[in-house]
Amino acid sequence: MTTTFTWPVQAKLAGAVKFAVLTAQFGDGYKQTAADGINNQSQSWSVVIRGPAAQVTPARDFLNTRAGYQSFFWTPPLGAQGYYECKEYELHHLGVSNWELTATFEQVFQP
């Protein structure tokens, strides 16, 4: 069963959309292009969670249990819920008991 990432992330998200396209270039300058598969559009998002250790630690533990290869549900801004993976994250101590977790969520597809 897939679980859902529910922690609030900072408002300054950065998202990127990538299209997988097949291209055949011919000698006379003519080029043909087509979508590569039925899921040729994928997203990746840079997310940030800031707060006290009690708030950041459960989000970190959630990512640790997925070990970079198990997908989870997440809903990006202006988007629909989908499958995402997080292959790496960084933790930064901001002083006292405040922490910042930065991660990249990459969209994946399931059959």
PDB file of N, CA and C in Angstrom:
ATOM      1  N   MET A   1       0.838  -1.181   0.000  1.00  0.00           N
ATOM      2  CA  MET A   1       0.000   0.000   0.000  1.00  0.00           C
ATOM      3  C   MET A   1       0.886   1.248   0.000  1.00  0.00           C
ATOM      4  N   THR A   2       0.559   2.181  -0.834  1.00  0.00           N
ATOM      5  CA  THR A   2       1.321   3.422  -0.935  1.00  0.00           C
ATOM      6  C   THR A   2       0.837   4.412   0.113  1.00  0.00           C
ATOM      7  N   THR A   3       1.777   5.066   0.788  1.00  0.00           N
ATOM      8  CA  THR A   3       1.437   6.065   1.792  1.00  0.00           C
ATOM      9  C   THR A   3       1.557   7.457   1.186  1.00  0.00           C
ATOM     10  N   THR A   4       1.045   8.433   1.901  1.00  0.00           N
ATOM     11  CA  THR A   4       0.991   9.805   1.399  1.00  0.00           C
ATOM     12  C   THR A   4       1.887  10.714   2.218  1.00  0.00           C
ATOM     13  N   PHE A   5       2.665  11.549   1.518  1.00  0.00           N
ATOM     14  CA  PHE A   5       3.473  12.580   2.171  1.00  0.00           C
ATOM     15  C   PHE A   5       2.543  13.738   2.482  1.00  0.00           C
ATOM     16  N   THR A   6       2.327  14.023   3.763  1.00  0.00           N
ATOM     17  CA  THR A   6       1.316  15.007   4.166  1.00  0.00           C
ATOM     18  C   THR A   6       1.888  16.251   4.841  1.00  0.00           C
ATOM     19  N   TRP A   7       3.196  16.334   4.996  1.00  0.00           N
ATOM     20  CA  TRP A   7       3.781  17.464   5.702  1.00  0.00           C
ATOM     21  C   TRP A   7       3.702  18.722   4.837  1.00  0.00           C
ATOM     22  N   PRO A   8       3.415  19.862   5.462  1.00  0.00           N
ATOM     23  CA  PRO A   8       3.369  21.103   4.681  1.00  0.00           C
ATOM     24  C   PRO A   8       4.779  21.523   4.258  1.00  0.00           C
ATOM     25  N   VAL A   9       4.893  21.975   3.032  1.00  0.00           N
ATOM     26  CA  VAL A   9       6.175  22.430   2.508  1.00  0.00           C
ATOM     27  C   VAL A   9       6.118  23.939   2.321  1.00  0.00           C
ATOM     28  N   GLN A  10       7.287  24.561   2.225  1.00  0.00           N
ATOM     29  CA  GLN A  10       7.369  26.015   2.102  1.00  0.00           C
ATOM     30  C   GLN A  10       6.734  26.513   0.811  1.00  0.00           C
ATOM     31  N   ALA A  11       6.306  27.751   0.825  1.00  0.00           N
ATOM     32  CA  ALA A  11       5.616  28.335  -0.320  1.00  0.00           C
ATOM     33  C   ALA A  11       6.535  28.542  -1.527  1.00  0.00           C
ATOM     34  N   LYS A  12       7.848  28.647  -1.306  1.00  0.00           N
ATOM     35  CA  LYS A  12       8.769  28.899  -2.419  1.00  0.00           C
ATOM     36  C   LYS A  12       9.211  27.587  -3.066  1.00  0.00           C
ATOM     37  N   LEU A  13       8.274  26.889  -3.652  1.00  0.00           N
ATOM     38  CA  LEU A  13       8.592  25.646  -4.337  1.00  0.00           C
ATOM     39  C   LEU A  13       9.116  25.950  -5.730  1.00  0.00           C
ATOM     40  N   ALA A  14       9.956  25.072  -6.226  1.00  0.00           N
ATOM     41  CA  ALA A  14      10.439  25.191  -7.603  1.00  0.00           C
ATOM     42  C   ALA A  14      10.142  23.871  -8.297  1.00  0.00           C
ATOM     43  N   GLY A  15       9.388  23.943  -9.372  1.00  0.00           N
ATOM     44  CA  GLY A  15       9.031  22.742 -10.098  1.00  0.00           C
ATOM     45  C   GLY A  15       9.552  22.779 -11.518  1.00  0.00           C
ATOM     46  N   ALA A  16       9.838  21.610 -12.048  1.00  0.00           N
ATOM     47  CA  ALA A  16      10.295  21.497 -13.430  1.00  0.00           C
ATOM     48  C   ALA A  16       9.497  20.381 -14.102  1.00  0.00           C
ATOM     49  N   VAL A  17       9.150  20.600 -15.353  1.00  0.00           N
ATOM     50  CA  VAL A  17       8.438  19.599 -16.137  1.00  0.00           C
ATOM     51  C   VAL A  17       9.347  19.182 -17.277  1.00  0.00           C
ATOM     52  N   LYS A  18       9.444  17.880 -17.471  1.00  0.00           N
ATOM     53  CA  LYS A  18      10.287  17.349 -18.543  1.00  0.00           C
ATOM     54  C   LYS A  18       9.422  16.487 -19.461  1.00  0.00           C
ATOM     55  N   PHE A  19       9.603  16.657 -20.769  1.00  0.00           N
ATOM     56  CA  PHE A  19       8.889  15.855 -21.749  1.00  0.00           C
ATOM     57  C   PHE A  19       9.860  14.875 -22.387  1.00  0.00           C
ATOM     58  N   ALA A  20       9.473  13.621 -22.445  1.00  0.00           N
ATOM     59  CA  ALA A  20      10.283  12.604 -23.120  1.00  0.00           C
ATOM     60  C   ALA A  20       9.809  12.539 -24.573  1.00  0.00           C
ATOM     61  N   VAL A  21      10.716  12.863 -25.482  1.00  0.00           N
ATOM     62  CA  VAL A  21      10.366  12.951 -26.903  1.00  0.00           C
ATOM     63  C   VAL A  21      11.379  12.157 -27.723  1.00  0.00           C
ATOM     64  N   LEU A  22      10.863  11.404 -28.662  1.00  0.00           N
ATOM     65  CA  LEU A  22      11.715  10.696 -29.618  1.00  0.00           C
ATOM     66  C   LEU A  22      11.891  11.576 -30.845  1.00  0.00           C
ATOM     67  N   THR A  23      13.102  11.653 -31.369  1.00  0.00           N
ATOM     68  CA  THR A  23      13.377  12.484 -32.535  1.00  0.00           C
ATOM     69  C   THR A  23      14.170  11.690 -33.564  1.00  0.00           C
ATOM     70  N   ALA A  24      13.748  11.822 -34.808  1.00  0.00           N
ATOM     71  CA  ALA A  24      14.498  11.235 -35.929  1.00  0.00           C
ATOM     72  C   ALA A  24      14.879  12.387 -36.855  1.00  0.00           C
ATOM     73  N   GLN A  25      16.181  12.626 -36.977  1.00  0.00           N
ATOM     74  CA  GLN A  25      16.689  13.720 -37.811  1.00  0.00           C
ATOM     75  C   GLN A  25      17.193  13.124 -39.130  1.00  0.00           C
ATOM     76  N   PHE A  26      16.729  13.684 -40.223  1.00  0.00           N
ATOM     77  CA  PHE A  26      17.114  13.191 -41.544  1.00  0.00           C
ATOM     78  C   PHE A  26      18.114  14.134 -42.191  1.00  0.00           C
ATOM     79  N   GLY A  27      18.871  13.634 -43.138  1.00  0.00           N
ATOM     80  CA  GLY A  27      19.941  14.385 -43.781  1.00  0.00           C
ATOM     81  C   GLY A  27      19.495  15.639 -44.499  1.00  0.00           C
ATOM     82  N   ASP A  28      18.257  15.690 -44.970  1.00  0.00           N
ATOM     83  CA  ASP A  28      17.794  16.862 -45.711  1.00  0.00           C
ATOM     84  C   ASP A  28      17.238  17.948 -44.797  1.00  0.00           C
ATOM     85  N   GLY A  29      17.428  17.784 -43.470  1.00  0.00           N
ATOM     86  CA  GLY A  29      16.957  18.784 -42.518  1.00  0.00           C
ATOM     87  C   GLY A  29      15.584  18.482 -41.955  1.00  0.00           C
ATOM     88  N   TYR A  30      14.892  17.506 -42.525  1.00  0.00           N
ATOM     89  CA  TYR A  30      13.576  17.131 -42.035  1.00  0.00           C
ATOM     90  C   TYR A  30      13.717  16.391 -40.703  1.00  0.00           C
ATOM     91  N   LYS A  31      12.812  16.661 -39.777  1.00  0.00           N
ATOM     92  CA  LYS A  31      12.865  16.042 -38.460  1.00  0.00           C
ATOM     93  C   LYS A  31      11.472  15.572 -38.073  1.00  0.00           C
ATOM     94  N   GLN A  32      11.385  14.365 -37.520  1.00  0.00           N
ATOM     95  CA  GLN A  32      10.134  13.842 -36.993  1.00  0.00           C
ATOM     96  C   GLN A  32      10.262  13.712 -35.481  1.00  0.00           C
ATOM     97  N   THR A  33       9.203  14.076 -34.772  1.00  0.00           N
ATOM     98  CA  THR A  33       9.199  13.934 -33.323  1.00  0.00           C
ATOM     99  C   THR A  33       7.907  13.268 -32.882  1.00  0.00           C
ATOM    100  N   ALA A  34       7.963  12.565 -31.760  1.00  0.00           N
ATOM    101  CA  ALA A  34       6.795  11.907 -31.188  1.00  0.00           C
ATOM    102  C   ALA A  34       7.008  11.734 -29.691  1.00  0.00           C
ATOM    103  N   ALA A  35       5.909  11.640 -28.978  1.00  0.00           N
ATOM    104  CA  ALA A  35       5.979  11.393 -27.536  1.00  0.00           C
ATOM    105  C   ALA A  35       6.600  10.021 -27.286  1.00  0.00           C
ATOM    106  N   ASP A  36       7.461   9.932 -26.280  1.00  0.00           N
ATOM    107  CA  ASP A  36       8.114   8.670 -25.919  1.00  0.00           C
ATOM    108  C   ASP A  36       7.299   8.008 -24.806  1.00  0.00           C
ATOM    109  N   GLY A  37       6.338   7.190 -25.179  1.00  0.00           N
ATOM    110  CA  GLY A  37       5.500   6.483 -24.215  1.00  0.00           C
ATOM    111  C   GLY A  37       4.242   7.244 -23.859  1.00  0.00           C
ATOM    112  N   ILE A  38       3.400   6.597 -23.067  1.00  0.00           N
ATOM    113  CA  ILE A  38       2.128   7.229 -22.707  1.00  0.00           C
ATOM    114  C   ILE A  38       2.285   8.227 -21.565  1.00  0.00           C
ATOM    115  N   ASN A  39       3.339   8.118 -20.794  1.00  0.00           N
ATOM    116  CA  ASN A  39       3.615   9.053 -19.696  1.00  0.00           C
ATOM    117  C   ASN A  39       4.872   9.844 -20.028  1.00  0.00           C
ATOM    118  N   ASN A  40       4.787  10.657 -21.061  1.00  0.00           N
ATOM    119  CA  ASN A  40       5.994  11.346 -21.511  1.00  0.00           C
ATOM    120  C   ASN A  40       6.230  12.673 -20.799  1.00  0.00           C
ATOM    121  N   GLN A  41       5.370  13.044 -19.888  1.00  0.00           N
ATOM    122  CA  GLN A  41       5.556  14.282 -19.118  1.00  0.00           C
ATOM    123  C   GLN A  41       5.762  13.921 -17.653  1.00  0.00           C
ATOM    124  N   SER A  42       6.883  14.337 -17.074  1.00  0.00           N
ATOM    125  CA  SER A  42       7.139  14.076 -15.661  1.00  0.00           C
ATOM    126  C   SER A  42       7.582  15.370 -14.986  1.00  0.00           C
ATOM    127  N   GLN A  43       7.373  15.406 -13.676  1.00  0.00           N
ATOM    128  CA  GLN A  43       7.675  16.597 -12.891  1.00  0.00           C
ATOM    129  C   GLN A  43       8.711  16.281 -11.818  1.00  0.00           C
ATOM    130  N   SER A  44       9.447  17.290 -11.437  1.00  0.00           N
ATOM    131  CA  SER A  44      10.290  17.209 -10.248  1.00  0.00           C
ATOM    132  C   SER A  44      10.129  18.518  -9.489  1.00  0.00           C
ATOM    133  N   TRP A  45      10.112  18.421  -8.180  1.00  0.00           N
ATOM    134  CA  TRP A  45       9.875  19.579  -7.317  1.00  0.00           C
ATOM    135  C   TRP A  45      10.925  19.652  -6.223  1.00  0.00           C
ATOM    136  N   SER A  46      11.466  20.839  -6.023  1.00  0.00           N
ATOM    137  CA  SER A  46      12.336  21.112  -4.878  1.00  0.00           C
ATOM    138  C   SER A  46      11.439  21.575  -3.737  1.00  0.00           C
ATOM    139  N   VAL A  47      11.471  20.848  -2.634  1.00  0.00           N
ATOM    140  CA  VAL A  47      10.622  21.181  -1.497  1.00  0.00           C
ATOM    141  C   VAL A  47      11.478  21.490  -0.281  1.00  0.00           C
ATOM    142  N   VAL A  48      10.932  22.317   0.602  1.00  0.00           N
ATOM    143  CA  VAL A  48      11.626  22.706   1.835  1.00  0.00           C
ATOM    144  C   VAL A  48      10.637  22.600   2.984  1.00  0.00           C
ATOM    145  N   ILE A  49      11.092  21.980   4.063  1.00  0.00           N
ATOM    146  CA  ILE A  49      10.320  21.930   5.301  1.00  0.00           C
ATOM    147  C   ILE A  49      11.184  22.556   6.376  1.00  0.00           C
ATOM    148  N   ARG A  50      10.661  23.590   7.029  1.00  0.00           N
ATOM    149  CA  ARG A  50      11.395  24.276   8.099  1.00  0.00           C
ATOM    150  C   ARG A  50      10.569  24.225   9.368  1.00  0.00           C
ATOM    151  N   GLY A  51      11.273  24.102  10.474  1.00  0.00           N
ATOM    152  CA  GLY A  51      10.569  24.141  11.748  1.00  0.00           C
ATOM    153  C   GLY A  51      11.367  23.470  12.831  1.00  0.00           C
ATOM    154  N   PRO A  52      10.732  23.299  13.982  1.00  0.00           N
ATOM    155  CA  PRO A  52      11.405  22.634  15.094  1.00  0.00           C
ATOM    156  C   PRO A  52      11.626  21.160  14.768  1.00  0.00           C
ATOM    157  N   ALA A  53      12.557  20.564  15.493  1.00  0.00           N
ATOM    158  CA  ALA A  53      12.892  19.159  15.264  1.00  0.00           C
ATOM    159  C   ALA A  53      11.657  18.266  15.333  1.00  0.00           C
ATOM    160  N   ALA A  54      10.728  18.576  16.209  1.00  0.00           N
ATOM    161  CA  ALA A  54       9.521  17.763  16.355  1.00  0.00           C
ATOM    162  C   ALA A  54       8.668  17.770  15.090  1.00  0.00           C
ATOM    163  N   GLN A  55       8.793  18.793  14.265  1.00  0.00           N
ATOM    164  CA  GLN A  55       8.038  18.887  13.008  1.00  0.00           C
ATOM    165  C   GLN A  55       8.825  18.282  11.837  1.00  0.00           C
ATOM    166  N   VAL A  56      10.122  18.492  11.791  1.00  0.00           N
ATOM    167  CA  VAL A  56      10.951  18.056  10.671  1.00  0.00           C
ATOM    168  C   VAL A  56      11.301  16.568  10.771  1.00  0.00           C
ATOM    169  N   THR A  57      11.525  16.072  11.979  1.00  0.00           N
ATOM    170  CA  THR A  57      11.942  14.680  12.165  1.00  0.00           C
ATOM    171  C   THR A  57      10.961  13.661  11.577  1.00  0.00           C
ATOM    172  N   PRO A  58       9.639  13.788  11.786  1.00  0.00           N
ATOM    173  CA  PRO A  58       8.730  12.802  11.187  1.00  0.00           C
ATOM    174  C   PRO A  58       8.777  12.797   9.654  1.00  0.00           C
ATOM    175  N   ALA A  59       8.963  13.968   9.042  1.00  0.00           N
ATOM    176  CA  ALA A  59       9.080  14.027   7.577  1.00  0.00           C
ATOM    177  C   ALA A  59      10.361  13.331   7.130  1.00  0.00           C
ATOM    178  N   ARG A  60      11.448  13.565   7.853  1.00  0.00           N
ATOM    179  CA  ARG A  60      12.714  12.889   7.547  1.00  0.00           C
ATOM    180  C   ARG A  60      12.579  11.385   7.698  1.00  0.00           C
ATOM    181  N   ASP A  61      11.933  10.946   8.765  1.00  0.00           N
ATOM    182  CA  ASP A  61      11.740   9.513   9.000  1.00  0.00           C
ATOM    183  C   ASP A  61      10.896   8.885   7.893  1.00  0.00           C
ATOM    184  N   PHE A  62       9.885   9.612   7.433  1.00  0.00           N
ATOM    185  CA  PHE A  62       9.050   9.135   6.325  1.00  0.00           C
ATOM    186  C   PHE A  62       9.911   8.874   5.093  1.00  0.00           C
ATOM    187  N   LEU A  63      10.784   9.828   4.751  1.00  0.00           N
ATOM    188  CA  LEU A  63      11.654   9.669   3.581  1.00  0.00           C
ATOM    189  C   LEU A  63      12.663   8.544   3.802  1.00  0.00           C
ATOM    190  N   ASN A  64      13.190   8.427   5.007  1.00  0.00           N
ATOM    191  CA  ASN A  64      14.151   7.356   5.307  1.00  0.00           C
ATOM    192  C   ASN A  64      13.542   5.970   5.134  1.00  0.00           C
ATOM    193  N   THR A  65      12.300   5.793   5.524  1.00  0.00           N
ATOM    194  CA  THR A  65      11.685   4.474   5.403  1.00  0.00           C
ATOM    195  C   THR A  65      11.469   4.070   3.946  1.00  0.00           C
ATOM    196  N   ARG A  66      11.420   5.044   3.047  1.00  0.00           N
ATOM    197  CA  ARG A  66      11.265   4.744   1.621  1.00  0.00           C
ATOM    198  C   ARG A  66      12.613   4.512   0.931  1.00  0.00           C
ATOM    199  N   ALA A  67      13.691   4.844   1.588  1.00  0.00           N
ATOM    200  CA  ALA A  67      15.060   4.524   1.163  1.00  0.00           C
ATOM    201  C   ALA A  67      15.388   4.938  -0.269  1.00  0.00           C
ATOM    202  N   GLY A  68      14.712   5.933  -0.789  1.00  0.00           N
ATOM    203  CA  GLY A  68      15.048   6.461  -2.111  1.00  0.00           C
ATOM    204  C   GLY A  68      14.456   5.717  -3.280  1.00  0.00           C
ATOM    205  N   TYR A  69      13.805   4.576  -3.053  1.00  0.00           N
ATOM    206  CA  TYR A  69      13.281   3.824  -4.191  1.00  0.00           C
ATOM    207  C   TYR A  69      11.802   3.463  -4.055  1.00  0.00           C
ATOM    208  N   GLN A  70      11.230   3.586  -2.872  1.00  0.00           N
ATOM    209  CA  GLN A  70       9.809   3.291  -2.707  1.00  0.00           C
ATOM    210  C   GLN A  70       9.017   4.578  -2.914  1.00  0.00           C
ATOM    211  N   SER A  71       8.045   4.519  -3.782  1.00  0.00           N
ATOM    212  CA  SER A  71       7.278   5.715  -4.110  1.00  0.00           C
ATOM    213  C   SER A  71       6.242   6.015  -3.026  1.00  0.00           C
ATOM    214  N   PHE A  72       5.766   7.254  -3.049  1.00  0.00           N
ATOM    215  CA  PHE A  72       4.727   7.708  -2.136  1.00  0.00           C
ATOM    216  C   PHE A  72       3.827   8.669  -2.895  1.00  0.00           C
ATOM    217  N   PHE A  73       2.627   8.866  -2.379  1.00  0.00           N
ATOM    218  CA  PHE A  73       1.714   9.838  -2.971  1.00  0.00           C
ATOM    219  C   PHE A  73       2.083  11.236  -2.484  1.00  0.00           C
ATOM    220  N   TRP A  74       1.998  12.203  -3.386  1.00  0.00           N
ATOM    221  CA  TRP A  74       2.179  13.606  -3.025  1.00  0.00           C
ATOM    222  C   TRP A  74       1.417  14.444  -4.033  1.00  0.00           C
ATOM    223  N   THR A  75       0.872  15.561  -3.579  1.00  0.00           N
ATOM    224  CA  THR A  75       0.134  16.459  -4.455  1.00  0.00           C
ATOM    225  C   THR A  75       0.927  17.741  -4.635  1.00  0.00           C
ATOM    226  N   PRO A  76       1.450  17.990  -5.850  1.00  0.00           N
ATOM    227  CA  PRO A  76       2.216  19.214  -6.085  1.00  0.00           C
ATOM    228  C   PRO A  76       1.284  20.416  -6.236  1.00  0.00           C
ATOM    229  N   PRO A  77       1.821  21.620  -6.108  1.00  0.00           N
ATOM    230  CA  PRO A  77       1.002  22.814  -6.328  1.00  0.00           C
ATOM    231  C   PRO A  77       0.424  22.811  -7.743  1.00  0.00           C
ATOM    232  N   LEU A  78      -0.813  23.191  -7.870  1.00  0.00           N
ATOM    233  CA  LEU A  78      -1.521  23.271  -9.153  1.00  0.00           C
ATOM    234  C   LEU A  78      -1.591  21.939  -9.879  1.00  0.00           C
ATOM    235  N   GLY A  79      -1.437  20.840  -9.156  1.00  0.00           N
ATOM    236  CA  GLY A  79      -1.418  19.534  -9.801  1.00  0.00           C
ATOM    237  C   GLY A  79      -2.296  18.526  -9.088  1.00  0.00           C
ATOM    238  N   ALA A  80      -2.280  17.333  -9.628  1.00  0.00           N
ATOM    239  CA  ALA A  80      -3.041  16.235  -9.064  1.00  0.00           C
ATOM    240  C   ALA A  80      -2.103  15.295  -8.310  1.00  0.00           C
ATOM    241  N   GLN A  81      -2.660  14.581  -7.377  1.00  0.00           N
ATOM    242  CA  GLN A  81      -1.868  13.624  -6.611  1.00  0.00           C
ATOM    243  C   GLN A  81      -1.253  12.594  -7.551  1.00  0.00           C
ATOM    244  N   GLY A  82      -0.004  12.261  -7.288  1.00  0.00           N
ATOM    245  CA  GLY A  82       0.678  11.276  -8.105  1.00  0.00           C
ATOM    246  C   GLY A  82       1.741  10.559  -7.292  1.00  0.00           C
ATOM    247  N   TYR A  83       2.442   9.656  -7.952  1.00  0.00           N
ATOM    248  CA  TYR A  83       3.531   8.915  -7.322  1.00  0.00           C
ATOM    249  C   TYR A  83       4.829   9.714  -7.433  1.00  0.00           C
ATOM    250  N   TYR A  84       5.562   9.798  -6.336  1.00  0.00           N
ATOM    251  CA  TYR A  84       6.841  10.502  -6.312  1.00  0.00           C
ATOM    252  C   TYR A  84       7.858   9.681  -5.546  1.00  0.00           C
ATOM    253  N   GLU A  85       9.129   9.919  -5.846  1.00  0.00           N
ATOM    254  CA  GLU A  85      10.241   9.331  -5.101  1.00  0.00           C
ATOM    255  C   GLU A  85      11.174  10.453  -4.670  1.00  0.00           C
ATOM    256  N   CYS A  86      11.877  10.225  -3.576  1.00  0.00           N
ATOM    257  CA  CYS A  86      12.892  11.157  -3.094  1.00  0.00           C
ATOM    258  C   CYS A  86      14.177  10.370  -2.924  1.00  0.00           C
ATOM    259  N   LYS A  87      15.142  10.617  -3.795  1.00  0.00           N
ATOM    260  CA  LYS A  87      16.397   9.868  -3.774  1.00  0.00           C
ATOM    261  C   LYS A  87      17.433  10.481  -2.831  1.00  0.00           C
ATOM    262  N   GLU A  88      17.251  11.753  -2.476  1.00  0.00           N
ATOM    263  CA  GLU A  88      18.189  12.386  -1.550  1.00  0.00           C
ATOM    264  C   GLU A  88      17.544  13.612  -0.919  1.00  0.00           C
ATOM    265  N   TYR A  89      18.040  13.957   0.230  1.00  0.00           N
ATOM    266  CA  TYR A  89      17.613  15.176   0.912  1.00  0.00           C
ATOM    267  C   TYR A  89      18.783  15.722   1.708  1.00  0.00           C
ATOM    268  N   GLU A  90      18.652  16.959   2.159  1.00  0.00           N
ATOM    269  CA  GLU A  90      19.669  17.586   3.000  1.00  0.00           C
ATOM    270  C   GLU A  90      19.003  18.140   4.247  1.00  0.00           C
ATOM    271  N   LEU A  91      19.714  18.058   5.359  1.00  0.00           N
ATOM    272  CA  LEU A  91      19.263  18.648   6.613  1.00  0.00           C
ATOM    273  C   LEU A  91      20.213  19.773   6.999  1.00  0.00           C
ATOM    274  N   HIS A  92      19.656  20.894   7.417  1.00  0.00           N
ATOM    275  CA  HIS A  92      20.463  22.042   7.850  1.00  0.00           C
ATOM    276  C   HIS A  92      19.944  22.507   9.206  1.00  0.00           C
ATOM    277  N   HIS A  93      20.869  22.667  10.142  1.00  0.00           N
ATOM    278  CA  HIS A  93      20.511  23.175  11.456  1.00  0.00           C
ATOM    279  C   HIS A  93      20.452  24.691  11.377  1.00  0.00           C
ATOM    280  N   LEU A  94      19.317  25.265  11.762  1.00  0.00           N
ATOM    281  CA  LEU A  94      19.130  26.716  11.669  1.00  0.00           C
ATOM    282  C   LEU A  94      19.333  27.422  13.000  1.00  0.00           C
ATOM    283  N   GLY A  95      19.694  26.680  14.011  1.00  0.00           N
ATOM    284  CA  GLY A  95      19.903  27.283  15.322  1.00  0.00           C
ATOM    285  C   GLY A  95      18.840  26.838  16.308  1.00  0.00           C
ATOM    286  N   VAL A  96      19.212  26.820  17.550  1.00  0.00           N
ATOM    287  CA  VAL A  96      18.365  26.372  18.665  1.00  0.00           C
ATOM    288  C   VAL A  96      17.801  24.995  18.299  1.00  0.00           C
ATOM    289  N   SER A  97      16.488  24.874  18.137  1.00  0.00           N
ATOM    290  CA  SER A  97      15.916  23.572  17.779  1.00  0.00           C
ATOM    291  C   SER A  97      15.282  23.600  16.392  1.00  0.00           C
ATOM    292  N   ASN A  98      15.635  24.592  15.590  1.00  0.00           N
ATOM    293  CA  ASN A  98      15.043  24.721  14.256  1.00  0.00           C
ATOM    294  C   ASN A  98      15.896  24.045  13.191  1.00  0.00           C
ATOM    295  N   TRP A  99      15.215  23.372  12.265  1.00  0.00           N
ATOM    296  CA  TRP A  99      15.870  22.624  11.201  1.00  0.00           C
ATOM    297  C   TRP A  99      15.224  22.933   9.862  1.00  0.00           C
ATOM    298  N   GLU A 100      15.974  22.653   8.807  1.00  0.00           N
ATOM    299  CA  GLU A 100      15.459  22.793   7.446  1.00  0.00           C
ATOM    300  C   GLU A 100      15.788  21.514   6.684  1.00  0.00           C
ATOM    301  N   LEU A 101      14.788  20.916   6.074  1.00  0.00           N
ATOM    302  CA  LEU A 101      14.965  19.741   5.234  1.00  0.00           C
ATOM    303  C   LEU A 101      14.667  20.157   3.798  1.00  0.00           C
ATOM    304  N   THR A 102      15.632  19.982   2.913  1.00  0.00           N
ATOM    305  CA  THR A 102      15.418  20.276   1.495  1.00  0.00           C
ATOM    306  C   THR A 102      15.506  18.961   0.730  1.00  0.00           C
ATOM    307  N   ALA A 103      14.586  18.770  -0.203  1.00  0.00           N
ATOM    308  CA  ALA A 103      14.534  17.519  -0.947  1.00  0.00           C
ATOM    309  C   ALA A 103      14.011  17.769  -2.359  1.00  0.00           C
ATOM    310  N   THR A 104      14.248  16.813  -3.228  1.00  0.00           N
ATOM    311  CA  THR A 104      13.683  16.845  -4.568  1.00  0.00           C
ATOM    312  C   THR A 104      12.759  15.659  -4.727  1.00  0.00           C
ATOM    313  N   PHE A 105      11.508  15.940  -5.066  1.00  0.00           N
ATOM    314  CA  PHE A 105      10.532  14.893  -5.314  1.00  0.00           C
ATOM    315  C   PHE A 105      10.419  14.712  -6.828  1.00  0.00           C
ATOM    316  N   GLU A 106      10.663  13.506  -7.300  1.00  0.00           N
ATOM    317  CA  GLU A 106      10.601  13.207  -8.724  1.00  0.00           C
ATOM    318  C   GLU A 106       9.401  12.317  -9.006  1.00  0.00           C
ATOM    319  N   GLN A 107       8.614  12.722  -9.990  1.00  0.00           N
ATOM    320  CA  GLN A 107       7.425  11.949 -10.347  1.00  0.00           C
ATOM    321  C   GLN A 107       7.817  10.639 -11.013  1.00  0.00           C
ATOM    322  N   VAL A 108       7.145   9.559 -10.623  1.00  0.00           N
ATOM    323  CA  VAL A 108       7.333   8.243 -11.228  1.00  0.00           C
ATOM    324  C   VAL A 108       5.961   7.696 -11.588  1.00  0.00           C
ATOM    325  N   PHE A 109       5.941   6.653 -12.356  1.00  0.00           N
ATOM    326  CA  PHE A 109       4.673   6.087 -12.811  1.00  0.00           C
ATOM    327  C   PHE A 109       4.598   4.623 -12.436  1.00  0.00           C
ATOM    328  N   GLN A 110       3.406   4.192 -12.057  1.00  0.00           N
ATOM    329  CA  GLN A 110       3.133   2.822 -11.657  1.00  0.00           C
ATOM    330  C   GLN A 110       2.165   2.196 -12.655  1.00  0.00           C
ATOM    331  N   PRO A 111       2.270   0.885 -12.884  1.00  0.00           N
ATOM    332  CA  PRO A 111       1.328   0.235 -13.801  1.00  0.00           C
ATOM    333  C   PRO A 111      -0.071   0.166 -13.211  1.00  0.00           C
TER     334      PRO A 111
END
